Amino acid sequence: DRHHDVGFRHYCGGDVCVLESSLVI
């Protein structure tokens, strides 16, 4: 099985909270 997790995220920017709430960016 494959499980989609929103913590694995495509992002490049300065919002610290995005990184804080993510698993892998």
PDB file of all heavy atoms in Angstrom:
ATOM      1  N   ASP A   1       0.824  -1.212   0.000  1.00  0.00           N
ATOM      2  CA  ASP A   1       0.000   0.000   0.000  1.00  0.00           C
ATOM      3  C   ASP A   1       0.858   1.262   0.000  1.00  0.00           C
ATOM      4  O   ASP A   1       1.938   1.302   0.600  1.00  0.00           O
ATOM      5  CB  ASP A   1      -0.913   0.036   1.227  1.00  0.00           C
ATOM      6  CG  ASP A   1      -2.072  -0.934   1.117  1.00  0.00           C
ATOM      7  OD1 ASP A   1      -2.402  -1.341  -0.008  1.00  0.00           O
ATOM      8  OD2 ASP A   1      -2.644  -1.278   2.163  1.00  0.00           O
ATOM      9  N   ARG A   2       0.325   2.291  -0.665  1.00  0.00           N
ATOM     10  CA  ARG A   2       0.912   3.626  -0.626  1.00  0.00           C
ATOM     11  C   ARG A   2       0.016   4.525   0.219  1.00  0.00           C
ATOM     12  O   ARG A   2      -1.199   4.507   0.061  1.00  0.00           O
ATOM     13  CB  ARG A   2       1.025   4.217  -2.041  1.00  0.00           C
ATOM     14  CG  ARG A   2       2.091   3.599  -2.915  1.00  0.00           C
ATOM     15  CD  ARG A   2       2.080   4.226  -4.308  1.00  0.00           C
ATOM     16  NE  ARG A   2       0.913   3.822  -5.054  1.00  0.00           N
ATOM     17  CZ  ARG A   2       0.872   2.801  -5.901  1.00  0.00           C
ATOM     18  NH1 ARG A   2       1.958   2.072  -6.115  1.00  0.00           N
ATOM     19  NH2 ARG A   2      -0.235   2.489  -6.539  1.00  0.00           N
ATOM     20  N   HIS A   3       0.619   5.333   1.091  1.00  0.00           N
ATOM     21  CA  HIS A   3      -0.130   6.249   1.945  1.00  0.00           C
ATOM     22  C   HIS A   3       0.313   7.680   1.660  1.00  0.00           C
ATOM     23  O   HIS A   3       1.503   8.006   1.798  1.00  0.00           O
ATOM     24  CB  HIS A   3       0.102   5.924   3.427  1.00  0.00           C
ATOM     25  CG  HIS A   3      -0.075   4.477   3.763  1.00  0.00           C
ATOM     26  ND1 HIS A   3      -1.307   3.858   3.725  1.00  0.00           N
ATOM     27  CD2 HIS A   3       0.818   3.521   4.126  1.00  0.00           C
ATOM     28  CE1 HIS A   3      -1.169   2.586   4.070  1.00  0.00           C
ATOM     29  NE2 HIS A   3       0.119   2.360   4.313  1.00  0.00           N
ATOM     30  N   HIS A   4      -0.641   8.513   1.278  1.00  0.00           N
ATOM     31  CA  HIS A   4      -0.327   9.925   1.043  1.00  0.00           C
ATOM     32  C   HIS A   4      -0.330  10.666   2.366  1.00  0.00           C
ATOM     33  O   HIS A   4      -1.270  10.569   3.150  1.00  0.00           O
ATOM     34  CB  HIS A   4      -1.365  10.553   0.106  1.00  0.00           C
ATOM     35  CG  HIS A   4      -1.136  12.006  -0.138  1.00  0.00           C
ATOM     36  ND1 HIS A   4      -0.123  12.465  -0.959  1.00  0.00           N
ATOM     37  CD2 HIS A   4      -1.758  13.107   0.346  1.00  0.00           C
ATOM     38  CE1 HIS A   4      -0.154  13.790  -0.974  1.00  0.00           C
ATOM     39  NE2 HIS A   4      -1.127  14.196  -0.190  1.00  0.00           N
ATOM     40  N   ASP A   5       0.739  11.410   2.633  1.00  0.00           N
ATOM     41  CA  ASP A   5       0.860  12.170   3.872  1.00  0.00           C
ATOM     42  C   ASP A   5       1.210  13.609   3.530  1.00  0.00           C
ATOM     43  O   ASP A   5       2.193  13.880   2.831  1.00  0.00           O
ATOM     44  CB  ASP A   5       1.953  11.558   4.758  1.00  0.00           C
ATOM     45  CG  ASP A   5       1.921  12.108   6.177  1.00  0.00           C
ATOM     46  OD1 ASP A   5       2.027  13.336   6.335  1.00  0.00           O
ATOM     47  OD2 ASP A   5       1.796  11.304   7.118  1.00  0.00           O
ATOM     48  N   VAL A   6       0.401  14.546   4.048  1.00  0.00           N
ATOM     49  CA  VAL A   6       0.603  15.961   3.731  1.00  0.00           C
ATOM     50  C   VAL A   6       1.868  16.527   4.354  1.00  0.00           C
ATOM     51  O   VAL A   6       2.278  17.649   4.035  1.00  0.00           O
ATOM     52  CB  VAL A   6      -0.619  16.812   4.172  1.00  0.00           C
ATOM     53  CG1 VAL A   6      -1.854  16.404   3.395  1.00  0.00           C
ATOM     54  CG2 VAL A   6      -0.857  16.675   5.678  1.00  0.00           C
ATOM     55  N   GLY A   7       2.502  15.772   5.245  1.00  0.00           N
ATOM     56  CA  GLY A   7       3.759  16.222   5.826  1.00  0.00           C
ATOM     57  C   GLY A   7       4.928  16.137   4.860  1.00  0.00           C
ATOM     58  O   GLY A   7       5.971  16.747   5.105  1.00  0.00           O
ATOM     59  N   PHE A   8       4.770  15.396   3.781  1.00  0.00           N
ATOM     60  CA  PHE A   8       5.771  15.351   2.715  1.00  0.00           C
ATOM     61  C   PHE A   8       5.365  16.420   1.706  1.00  0.00           C
ATOM     62  O   PHE A   8       4.393  16.258   0.968  1.00  0.00           O
ATOM     63  CB  PHE A   8       5.809  13.962   2.068  1.00  0.00           C
ATOM     64  CG  PHE A   8       6.387  12.903   2.967  1.00  0.00           C
ATOM     65  CD1 PHE A   8       5.652  12.397   4.033  1.00  0.00           C
ATOM     66  CD2 PHE A   8       7.662  12.408   2.738  1.00  0.00           C
ATOM     67  CE1 PHE A   8       6.183  11.413   4.864  1.00  0.00           C
ATOM     68  CE2 PHE A   8       8.199  11.425   3.568  1.00  0.00           C
ATOM     69  CZ  PHE A   8       7.462  10.929   4.632  1.00  0.00           C
ATOM     70  N   ARG A   9       6.122  17.508   1.672  1.00  0.00           N
ATOM     71  CA  ARG A   9       5.613  18.736   1.067  1.00  0.00           C
ATOM     72  C   ARG A   9       6.590  19.354   0.073  1.00  0.00           C
ATOM     73  O   ARG A   9       7.799  19.311   0.260  1.00  0.00           O
ATOM     74  CB  ARG A   9       5.334  19.726   2.201  1.00  0.00           C
ATOM     75  CG  ARG A   9       4.538  20.933   1.828  1.00  0.00           C
ATOM     76  CD  ARG A   9       4.266  21.799   3.050  1.00  0.00           C
ATOM     77  NE  ARG A   9       2.940  21.594   3.596  1.00  0.00           N
ATOM     78  CZ  ARG A   9       2.668  21.423   4.877  1.00  0.00           C
ATOM     79  NH1 ARG A   9       3.636  21.391   5.759  1.00  0.00           N
ATOM     80  NH2 ARG A   9       1.430  21.271   5.279  1.00  0.00           N
ATOM     81  N   HIS A  10       6.026  19.932  -0.984  1.00  0.00           N
ATOM     82  CA  HIS A  10       6.799  20.692  -1.966  1.00  0.00           C
ATOM     83  C   HIS A  10       6.695  22.165  -1.592  1.00  0.00           C
ATOM     84  O   HIS A  10       5.621  22.755  -1.661  1.00  0.00           O
ATOM     85  CB  HIS A  10       6.232  20.451  -3.376  1.00  0.00           C
ATOM     86  CG  HIS A  10       7.078  21.003  -4.474  1.00  0.00           C
ATOM     87  ND1 HIS A  10       7.017  22.316  -4.863  1.00  0.00           N
ATOM     88  CD2 HIS A  10       8.019  20.421  -5.262  1.00  0.00           C
ATOM     89  CE1 HIS A  10       7.875  22.524  -5.846  1.00  0.00           C
ATOM     90  NE2 HIS A  10       8.494  21.389  -6.102  1.00  0.00           N
ATOM     91  N   TYR A  11       7.817  22.769  -1.187  1.00  0.00           N
ATOM     92  CA  TYR A  11       7.786  24.155  -0.712  1.00  0.00           C
ATOM     93  C   TYR A  11       9.185  24.744  -0.756  1.00  0.00           C
ATOM     94  O   TYR A  11      10.177  24.053  -0.486  1.00  0.00           O
ATOM     95  CB  TYR A  11       7.258  24.200   0.725  1.00  0.00           C
ATOM     96  CG  TYR A  11       7.254  25.596   1.333  1.00  0.00           C
ATOM     97  CD1 TYR A  11       6.274  26.522   0.992  1.00  0.00           C
ATOM     98  CD2 TYR A  11       8.240  25.974   2.247  1.00  0.00           C
ATOM     99  CE1 TYR A  11       6.276  27.797   1.538  1.00  0.00           C
ATOM    100  CE2 TYR A  11       8.240  27.247   2.807  1.00  0.00           C
ATOM    101  CZ  TYR A  11       7.253  28.155   2.449  1.00  0.00           C
ATOM    102  OH  TYR A  11       7.258  29.410   2.981  1.00  0.00           O
ATOM    103  N   CYS A  12       9.265  26.018  -1.070  1.00  0.00           N
ATOM    104  CA  CYS A  12      10.520  26.760  -0.984  1.00  0.00           C
ATOM    105  C   CYS A  12      10.166  28.197  -0.625  1.00  0.00           C
ATOM    106  O   CYS A  12       9.590  28.918  -1.443  1.00  0.00           O
ATOM    107  CB  CYS A  12      11.303  26.710  -2.296  1.00  0.00           C
ATOM    108  SG  CYS A  12      12.937  27.490  -2.190  1.00  0.00           S
ATOM    109  N   GLY A  13      10.443  28.600   0.608  1.00  0.00           N
ATOM    110  CA  GLY A  13      10.068  29.939   1.045  1.00  0.00           C
ATOM    111  C   GLY A  13      10.531  30.205   2.457  1.00  0.00           C
ATOM    112  O   GLY A  13      11.272  29.421   3.042  1.00  0.00           O
ATOM    113  N   GLY A  14      10.062  31.312   3.002  1.00  0.00           N
ATOM    114  CA  GLY A  14      10.554  31.746   4.299  1.00  0.00           C
ATOM    115  C   GLY A  14       9.618  31.538   5.460  1.00  0.00           C
ATOM    116  O   GLY A  14       9.886  32.043   6.560  1.00  0.00           O
ATOM    117  N   ASP A  15       8.507  30.839   5.266  1.00  0.00           N
ATOM    118  CA  ASP A  15       7.557  30.627   6.358  1.00  0.00           C
ATOM    119  C   ASP A  15       8.041  29.491   7.248  1.00  0.00           C
ATOM    120  O   ASP A  15       7.966  28.310   6.894  1.00  0.00           O
ATOM    121  CB  ASP A  15       6.177  30.308   5.785  1.00  0.00           C
ATOM    122  CG  ASP A  15       5.083  30.347   6.846  1.00  0.00           C
ATOM    123  OD1 ASP A  15       5.402  30.111   8.032  1.00  0.00           O
ATOM    124  OD2 ASP A  15       3.922  30.594   6.484  1.00  0.00           O
ATOM    125  N   VAL A  16       8.545  29.866   8.415  1.00  0.00           N
ATOM    126  CA  VAL A  16       9.093  28.885   9.348  1.00  0.00           C
ATOM    127  C   VAL A  16       8.041  27.859   9.767  1.00  0.00           C
ATOM    128  O   VAL A  16       8.340  26.685   9.983  1.00  0.00           O
ATOM    129  CB  VAL A  16       9.673  29.600  10.585  1.00  0.00           C
ATOM    130  CG1 VAL A  16      10.077  28.599  11.659  1.00  0.00           C
ATOM    131  CG2 VAL A  16      10.865  30.458  10.186  1.00  0.00           C
ATOM    132  N   CYS A  17       6.793  28.284   9.862  1.00  0.00           N
ATOM    133  CA  CYS A  17       5.731  27.383  10.323  1.00  0.00           C
ATOM    134  C   CYS A  17       5.457  26.255   9.331  1.00  0.00           C
ATOM    135  O   CYS A  17       5.002  25.182   9.720  1.00  0.00           O
ATOM    136  CB  CYS A  17       4.453  28.175  10.595  1.00  0.00           C
ATOM    137  SG  CYS A  17       4.592  29.259  12.025  1.00  0.00           S
ATOM    138  N   VAL A  18       5.721  26.501   8.053  1.00  0.00           N
ATOM    139  CA  VAL A  18       5.563  25.426   7.072  1.00  0.00           C
ATOM    140  C   VAL A  18       6.568  24.322   7.361  1.00  0.00           C
ATOM    141  O   VAL A  18       6.236  23.134   7.372  1.00  0.00           O
ATOM    142  CB  VAL A  18       5.731  25.959   5.635  1.00  0.00           C
ATOM    143  CG1 VAL A  18       5.729  24.809   4.635  1.00  0.00           C
ATOM    144  CG2 VAL A  18       4.629  26.944   5.286  1.00  0.00           C
ATOM    145  N   LEU A  19       7.804  24.712   7.625  1.00  0.00           N
ATOM    146  CA  LEU A  19       8.817  23.710   7.943  1.00  0.00           C
ATOM    147  C   LEU A  19       8.523  23.028   9.267  1.00  0.00           C
ATOM    148  O   LEU A  19       8.690  21.813   9.404  1.00  0.00           O
ATOM    149  CB  LEU A  19      10.207  24.352   7.990  1.00  0.00           C
ATOM    150  CG  LEU A  19      10.863  24.623   6.636  1.00  0.00           C
ATOM    151  CD1 LEU A  19      10.376  25.927   6.043  1.00  0.00           C
ATOM    152  CD2 LEU A  19      12.368  24.630   6.751  1.00  0.00           C
ATOM    153  N   GLU A  20       8.066  23.797  10.247  1.00  0.00           N
ATOM    154  CA  GLU A  20       7.790  23.256  11.570  1.00  0.00           C
ATOM    155  C   GLU A  20       6.683  22.202  11.519  1.00  0.00           C
ATOM    156  O   GLU A  20       6.686  21.253  12.307  1.00  0.00           O
ATOM    157  CB  GLU A  20       7.405  24.387  12.526  1.00  0.00           C
ATOM    158  CG  GLU A  20       7.361  24.016  13.976  1.00  0.00           C
ATOM    159  CD  GLU A  20       8.729  23.691  14.565  1.00  0.00           C
ATOM    160  OE1 GLU A  20       9.756  23.985  13.924  1.00  0.00           O
ATOM    161  OE2 GLU A  20       8.754  23.132  15.662  1.00  0.00           O
ATOM    162  N   SER A  21       5.732  22.358  10.602  1.00  0.00           N
ATOM    163  CA  SER A  21       4.598  21.442  10.530  1.00  0.00           C
ATOM    164  C   SER A  21       4.806  20.309   9.528  1.00  0.00           C
ATOM    165  O   SER A  21       3.920  19.482   9.335  1.00  0.00           O
ATOM    166  CB  SER A  21       3.327  22.212  10.154  1.00  0.00           C
ATOM    167  OG  SER A  21       3.433  22.714   8.835  1.00  0.00           O
ATOM    168  N   SER A  22       5.972  20.278   8.873  1.00  0.00           N
ATOM    169  CA  SER A  22       6.226  19.292   7.834  1.00  0.00           C
ATOM    170  C   SER A  22       7.125  18.173   8.331  1.00  0.00           C
ATOM    171  O   SER A  22       7.768  18.278   9.381  1.00  0.00           O
ATOM    172  CB  SER A  22       6.874  19.964   6.623  1.00  0.00           C
ATOM    173  OG  SER A  22       6.032  20.955   6.078  1.00  0.00           O
ATOM    174  N   LEU A  23       7.182  17.107   7.557  1.00  0.00           N
ATOM    175  CA  LEU A  23       8.091  16.000   7.830  1.00  0.00           C
ATOM    176  C   LEU A  23       9.294  16.064   6.896  1.00  0.00           C
ATOM    177  O   LEU A  23      10.438  15.982   7.332  1.00  0.00           O
ATOM    178  CB  LEU A  23       7.366  14.667   7.649  1.00  0.00           C
ATOM    179  CG  LEU A  23       6.180  14.418   8.578  1.00  0.00           C
ATOM    180  CD1 LEU A  23       5.437  13.157   8.168  1.00  0.00           C
ATOM    181  CD2 LEU A  23       6.639  14.318  10.020  1.00  0.00           C
ATOM    182  N   VAL A  24       9.015  16.174   5.604  1.00  0.00           N
ATOM    183  CA  VAL A  24      10.066  16.268   4.586  1.00  0.00           C
ATOM    184  C   VAL A  24       9.650  17.338   3.595  1.00  0.00           C
ATOM    185  O   VAL A  24       8.508  17.349   3.122  1.00  0.00           O
ATOM    186  CB  VAL A  24      10.275  14.922   3.853  1.00  0.00           C
ATOM    187  CG1 VAL A  24      11.334  15.052   2.767  1.00  0.00           C
ATOM    188  CG2 VAL A  24      10.671  13.829   4.834  1.00  0.00           C
ATOM    189  N   ILE A  25      10.586  18.249   3.263  1.00  0.00           N
ATOM    190  CA  ILE A  25      10.282  19.349   2.343  1.00  0.00           C
ATOM    191  C   ILE A  25      11.267  19.344   1.181  1.00  0.00           C
ATOM    192  O   ILE A  25      12.479  19.190   1.374  1.00  0.00           O
ATOM    193  CB  ILE A  25      10.340  20.706   3.066  1.00  0.00           C
ATOM    194  CG1 ILE A  25       9.074  20.917   3.878  1.00  0.00           C
ATOM    195  CG2 ILE A  25      10.505  21.850   2.091  1.00  0.00           C
ATOM    196  CD1 ILE A  25       8.919  22.299   4.444  1.00  0.00           C
TER     197      ILE A  25
END
